[in-house]
């Protein structure tokens, strides 16, 4: 409760008032303290997978779970490190515009 109060309320001369600028790293669910409120809420995951017409199936090769308020701008480097560490770095790596 201390965390919820400190993140969501302001002390205005002994009166609790809602904080209008809580930011994205705020407790969303007491039973899951790592879940965050952001414009999306909860979690997100960065995923890489195989994508060859020659494969009978496509496989997930790396994943980075993150809180929803985390920026994904540095995720590409982290994915590349995971792939290299497992000796499965691709010849080509496609990414979205982000």
N, C-alpha and C. Protein backbone atom coordinates (compact mmCIF):
# COMPACT_ATOMS: atom_id res chain seq x y z
N UNK A 1 0.81 -1.19 0.00
CA UNK A 1 0.00 0.00 0.00
C UNK A 1 0.86 1.25 0.00
N UNK A 2 2.02 1.18 0.65
CA UNK A 2 2.92 2.34 0.67
C UNK A 2 3.37 2.65 -0.75
N UNK A 3 3.70 1.61 -1.51
CA UNK A 3 4.13 1.83 -2.90
C UNK A 3 3.00 2.44 -3.73
N UNK A 4 1.80 1.89 -3.61
CA UNK A 4 0.66 2.42 -4.37
C UNK A 4 0.44 3.89 -4.03
N UNK A 5 0.44 4.21 -2.76
CA UNK A 5 0.21 5.60 -2.36
C UNK A 5 1.32 6.51 -2.91
N UNK A 6 2.56 6.10 -2.75
CA UNK A 6 3.67 6.97 -3.18
C UNK A 6 3.71 7.17 -4.69
N UNK A 7 3.21 6.20 -5.46
CA UNK A 7 3.23 6.33 -6.92
C UNK A 7 1.97 7.02 -7.47
N UNK A 8 0.85 6.89 -6.80
CA UNK A 8 -0.40 7.34 -7.38
C UNK A 8 -1.01 8.58 -6.71
N UNK A 9 -0.47 8.97 -5.56
CA UNK A 9 -1.04 10.11 -4.84
C UNK A 9 0.05 11.10 -4.45
N UNK A 10 -0.38 12.33 -4.21
CA UNK A 10 0.48 13.38 -3.69
C UNK A 10 -0.06 13.81 -2.33
N UNK A 11 0.82 14.17 -1.43
CA UNK A 11 0.41 14.70 -0.14
C UNK A 11 0.29 16.21 -0.27
N UNK A 12 -0.91 16.72 -0.25
CA UNK A 12 -1.18 18.16 -0.37
C UNK A 12 -1.66 18.67 0.99
N UNK A 13 -0.72 19.10 1.82
CA UNK A 13 -1.04 19.62 3.15
C UNK A 13 -1.88 18.63 3.96
N UNK A 14 -1.44 17.37 3.96
CA UNK A 14 -2.12 16.34 4.74
C UNK A 14 -3.30 15.70 4.05
N UNK A 15 -3.62 16.13 2.85
CA UNK A 15 -4.71 15.52 2.09
C UNK A 15 -4.12 14.76 0.91
N UNK A 16 -4.65 13.57 0.66
CA UNK A 16 -4.20 12.77 -0.48
C UNK A 16 -4.92 13.23 -1.74
N UNK A 17 -4.14 13.57 -2.77
CA UNK A 17 -4.71 13.92 -4.07
C UNK A 17 -4.07 13.05 -5.14
N UNK A 18 -4.85 12.67 -6.15
CA UNK A 18 -4.32 11.85 -7.23
C UNK A 18 -3.16 12.58 -7.92
N UNK A 19 -2.12 11.85 -8.20
CA UNK A 19 -0.97 12.39 -8.92
C UNK A 19 -1.30 12.42 -10.41
N UNK A 20 -1.33 13.61 -11.03
CA UNK A 20 -1.69 13.67 -12.45
C UNK A 20 -0.58 13.19 -13.38
N UNK A 21 0.64 13.02 -12.88
CA UNK A 21 1.78 12.62 -13.71
C UNK A 21 2.49 11.43 -13.06
N UNK A 22 1.88 10.26 -13.14
CA UNK A 22 2.44 9.09 -12.46
C UNK A 22 3.59 8.44 -13.22
N UNK A 23 3.69 8.65 -14.53
CA UNK A 23 4.72 7.97 -15.31
C UNK A 23 4.31 6.55 -15.63
N UNK A 24 5.17 5.83 -16.34
CA UNK A 24 4.83 4.50 -16.80
C UNK A 24 5.17 3.37 -15.86
N UNK A 25 6.15 3.56 -14.96
CA UNK A 25 6.54 2.49 -14.06
C UNK A 25 5.78 2.65 -12.75
N UNK A 26 4.53 2.18 -12.78
CA UNK A 26 3.66 2.31 -11.62
C UNK A 26 2.98 0.97 -11.39
N UNK A 27 2.79 0.61 -10.13
CA UNK A 27 2.16 -0.66 -9.80
C UNK A 27 0.77 -0.75 -10.40
N UNK A 28 0.55 -1.78 -11.21
CA UNK A 28 -0.73 -1.99 -11.88
C UNK A 28 -1.55 -3.05 -11.17
N UNK A 29 -0.87 -4.06 -10.64
CA UNK A 29 -1.56 -5.21 -10.06
C UNK A 29 -0.74 -5.69 -8.86
N UNK A 30 -1.23 -5.56 -7.64
CA UNK A 30 -0.46 -5.98 -6.46
C UNK A 30 -0.03 -7.44 -6.49
N UNK A 31 -0.78 -8.30 -7.19
CA UNK A 31 -0.38 -9.71 -7.26
C UNK A 31 0.70 -9.94 -8.31
N UNK A 32 1.01 -8.92 -9.12
CA UNK A 32 2.08 -9.00 -10.11
C UNK A 32 2.83 -7.66 -10.13
N UNK A 33 3.72 -7.45 -9.16
CA UNK A 33 4.37 -6.15 -9.02
C UNK A 33 5.26 -5.74 -10.18
N UNK A 34 5.58 -6.66 -11.08
CA UNK A 34 6.40 -6.31 -12.24
C UNK A 34 5.58 -5.79 -13.41
N UNK A 35 4.27 -6.00 -13.39
CA UNK A 35 3.41 -5.44 -14.43
C UNK A 35 3.37 -3.93 -14.26
N UNK A 36 3.38 -3.21 -15.35
CA UNK A 36 3.45 -1.76 -15.28
C UNK A 36 2.30 -1.12 -16.03
N UNK A 37 1.95 0.07 -15.61
CA UNK A 37 0.99 0.87 -16.34
C UNK A 37 1.78 1.71 -17.33
N UNK A 38 1.39 1.69 -18.54
CA UNK A 38 1.94 2.54 -19.58
C UNK A 38 0.78 2.85 -20.50
N UNK A 39 1.04 3.36 -21.67
CA UNK A 39 -0.09 3.58 -22.56
C UNK A 39 -0.68 2.25 -23.01
N UNK A 40 0.08 1.15 -22.85
CA UNK A 40 -0.41 -0.18 -23.20
C UNK A 40 -0.79 -0.97 -21.96
N UNK A 41 -0.07 -0.83 -20.90
CA UNK A 41 -0.31 -1.58 -19.67
C UNK A 41 0.21 -2.99 -19.76
N UNK A 42 0.68 -3.55 -18.66
CA UNK A 42 1.10 -4.95 -18.61
C UNK A 42 2.50 -5.19 -19.13
N UNK A 43 2.62 -6.05 -20.12
CA UNK A 43 3.91 -6.49 -20.62
C UNK A 43 3.98 -6.38 -22.14
N UNK A 44 5.19 -6.48 -22.66
CA UNK A 44 5.43 -6.63 -24.09
C UNK A 44 6.60 -7.60 -24.24
N UNK A 45 6.75 -8.15 -25.42
CA UNK A 45 7.87 -9.05 -25.66
C UNK A 45 8.43 -8.78 -27.05
N UNK A 46 9.74 -8.77 -27.14
CA UNK A 46 10.43 -8.64 -28.43
C UNK A 46 10.78 -10.06 -28.87
N UNK A 47 10.44 -10.41 -30.09
CA UNK A 47 10.57 -11.80 -30.56
C UNK A 47 11.31 -11.83 -31.90
N UNK A 48 12.18 -12.82 -32.07
CA UNK A 48 12.74 -13.12 -33.39
C UNK A 48 12.33 -14.54 -33.75
N UNK A 49 12.16 -14.75 -35.04
CA UNK A 49 11.78 -16.07 -35.52
C UNK A 49 12.40 -16.31 -36.89
N UNK A 50 12.47 -17.56 -37.25
CA UNK A 50 12.95 -17.89 -38.59
C UNK A 50 11.89 -17.48 -39.60
N UNK A 51 12.31 -17.21 -40.82
CA UNK A 51 11.33 -16.80 -41.85
C UNK A 51 11.84 -17.18 -43.24
N UNK A 52 11.98 -18.47 -43.45
CA UNK A 52 12.47 -18.97 -44.73
C UNK A 52 11.40 -19.84 -45.38
N UNK A 53 11.20 -19.63 -46.67
CA UNK A 53 10.26 -20.48 -47.41
C UNK A 53 10.73 -21.94 -47.44
N UNK A 54 12.02 -22.16 -47.23
CA UNK A 54 12.59 -23.51 -47.25
C UNK A 54 12.30 -24.29 -45.97
N UNK A 55 11.92 -23.59 -44.89
CA UNK A 55 11.62 -24.26 -43.63
C UNK A 55 10.19 -24.80 -43.65
N UNK A 56 10.01 -26.03 -43.15
CA UNK A 56 8.66 -26.57 -43.04
C UNK A 56 7.89 -25.86 -41.93
N UNK A 57 8.59 -25.44 -40.89
CA UNK A 57 8.00 -24.66 -39.78
C UNK A 57 8.92 -23.48 -39.49
N UNK A 58 8.36 -22.45 -38.91
CA UNK A 58 9.14 -21.30 -38.48
C UNK A 58 9.25 -21.38 -36.96
N UNK A 59 10.43 -21.07 -36.42
CA UNK A 59 10.67 -21.21 -34.99
C UNK A 59 11.03 -19.87 -34.35
N UNK A 60 10.58 -19.67 -33.12
CA UNK A 60 11.02 -18.52 -32.33
C UNK A 60 12.45 -18.81 -31.90
N UNK A 61 13.36 -17.86 -32.16
CA UNK A 61 14.77 -18.07 -31.85
C UNK A 61 15.27 -17.23 -30.70
N UNK A 62 14.55 -16.18 -30.32
CA UNK A 62 14.91 -15.36 -29.17
C UNK A 62 13.69 -14.57 -28.72
N UNK A 63 13.66 -14.23 -27.43
CA UNK A 63 12.57 -13.42 -26.89
C UNK A 63 13.09 -12.61 -25.71
N UNK A 64 12.62 -11.38 -25.63
CA UNK A 64 12.97 -10.51 -24.51
C UNK A 64 11.66 -9.99 -23.90
N UNK A 65 11.26 -10.53 -22.73
CA UNK A 65 10.07 -9.99 -22.07
C UNK A 65 10.40 -8.67 -21.39
N UNK A 66 9.48 -7.71 -21.47
CA UNK A 66 9.69 -6.39 -20.89
C UNK A 66 8.39 -5.87 -20.30
N UNK A 67 8.51 -4.95 -19.37
CA UNK A 67 7.33 -4.21 -18.92
C UNK A 67 6.85 -3.33 -20.06
N UNK A 68 5.56 -3.05 -20.08
CA UNK A 68 4.98 -2.29 -21.19
C UNK A 68 5.55 -0.90 -21.34
N UNK A 69 6.05 -0.32 -20.25
CA UNK A 69 6.56 1.04 -20.35
C UNK A 69 8.02 1.09 -20.81
N UNK A 70 8.66 -0.07 -20.96
CA UNK A 70 10.06 -0.10 -21.40
C UNK A 70 10.17 0.27 -22.88
N UNK A 71 11.21 1.01 -23.20
CA UNK A 71 11.46 1.35 -24.60
C UNK A 71 12.03 0.13 -25.31
N UNK A 72 11.60 -0.09 -26.55
CA UNK A 72 12.15 -1.21 -27.31
C UNK A 72 13.29 -0.78 -28.23
N UNK A 73 13.75 0.46 -28.10
CA UNK A 73 14.76 0.99 -29.01
C UNK A 73 16.11 0.26 -28.90
N UNK A 74 16.43 -0.30 -27.74
CA UNK A 74 17.70 -1.00 -27.57
C UNK A 74 17.56 -2.51 -27.68
N UNK A 75 16.38 -2.98 -28.01
CA UNK A 75 16.12 -4.42 -28.04
C UNK A 75 16.86 -5.14 -29.16
N UNK A 76 17.07 -4.48 -30.29
CA UNK A 76 17.74 -5.15 -31.41
C UNK A 76 19.12 -5.65 -30.99
N UNK A 77 19.89 -4.81 -30.31
CA UNK A 77 21.24 -5.21 -29.88
C UNK A 77 21.15 -6.39 -28.91
N UNK A 78 20.19 -6.35 -27.99
CA UNK A 78 20.03 -7.44 -27.03
C UNK A 78 19.64 -8.74 -27.74
N UNK A 79 18.79 -8.66 -28.75
CA UNK A 79 18.42 -9.84 -29.54
C UNK A 79 19.65 -10.39 -30.26
N UNK A 80 20.45 -9.51 -30.87
CA UNK A 80 21.66 -9.95 -31.57
C UNK A 80 22.62 -10.66 -30.62
N UNK A 81 22.75 -10.16 -29.40
CA UNK A 81 23.62 -10.81 -28.40
C UNK A 81 23.10 -12.20 -28.08
N UNK A 82 21.77 -12.33 -27.88
CA UNK A 82 21.17 -13.64 -27.59
C UNK A 82 21.43 -14.63 -28.73
N UNK A 83 21.20 -14.17 -29.96
CA UNK A 83 21.38 -15.06 -31.11
C UNK A 83 22.84 -15.49 -31.25
N UNK A 84 23.76 -14.55 -31.09
CA UNK A 84 25.19 -14.87 -31.19
C UNK A 84 25.62 -15.83 -30.08
N UNK A 85 25.12 -15.61 -28.87
CA UNK A 85 25.48 -16.47 -27.74
C UNK A 85 25.03 -17.91 -27.96
N UNK A 86 23.95 -18.08 -28.71
CA UNK A 86 23.44 -19.43 -29.00
C UNK A 86 23.90 -19.95 -30.36
N UNK A 87 24.80 -19.20 -30.99
CA UNK A 87 25.37 -19.55 -32.29
C UNK A 87 24.29 -19.77 -33.35
N UNK A 88 23.29 -18.87 -33.34
CA UNK A 88 22.21 -18.96 -34.32
C UNK A 88 21.95 -17.61 -34.99
N UNK A 89 22.98 -16.79 -35.07
CA UNK A 89 22.82 -15.49 -35.72
C UNK A 89 22.46 -15.70 -37.19
N UNK A 90 21.49 -14.97 -37.70
CA UNK A 90 21.05 -15.17 -39.09
C UNK A 90 21.97 -14.47 -40.08
N UNK A 91 21.87 -14.89 -41.34
CA UNK A 91 22.60 -14.19 -42.41
C UNK A 91 21.98 -12.83 -42.64
N UNK A 92 20.65 -12.74 -42.56
CA UNK A 92 19.92 -11.49 -42.68
C UNK A 92 19.00 -11.37 -41.49
N UNK A 93 18.87 -10.15 -40.99
CA UNK A 93 17.96 -9.90 -39.88
C UNK A 93 17.00 -8.79 -40.30
N UNK A 94 15.73 -9.11 -40.35
CA UNK A 94 14.71 -8.13 -40.72
C UNK A 94 14.14 -7.53 -39.43
N UNK A 95 13.89 -6.24 -39.44
CA UNK A 95 13.31 -5.57 -38.27
C UNK A 95 12.26 -4.59 -38.72
N UNK A 96 11.36 -4.24 -37.80
CA UNK A 96 10.36 -3.23 -38.14
C UNK A 96 10.99 -1.84 -38.09
N UNK A 97 10.22 -0.85 -38.43
CA UNK A 97 10.75 0.50 -38.53
C UNK A 97 11.22 1.07 -37.20
N UNK A 98 10.69 0.57 -36.09
CA UNK A 98 11.07 1.07 -34.77
C UNK A 98 12.50 0.79 -34.46
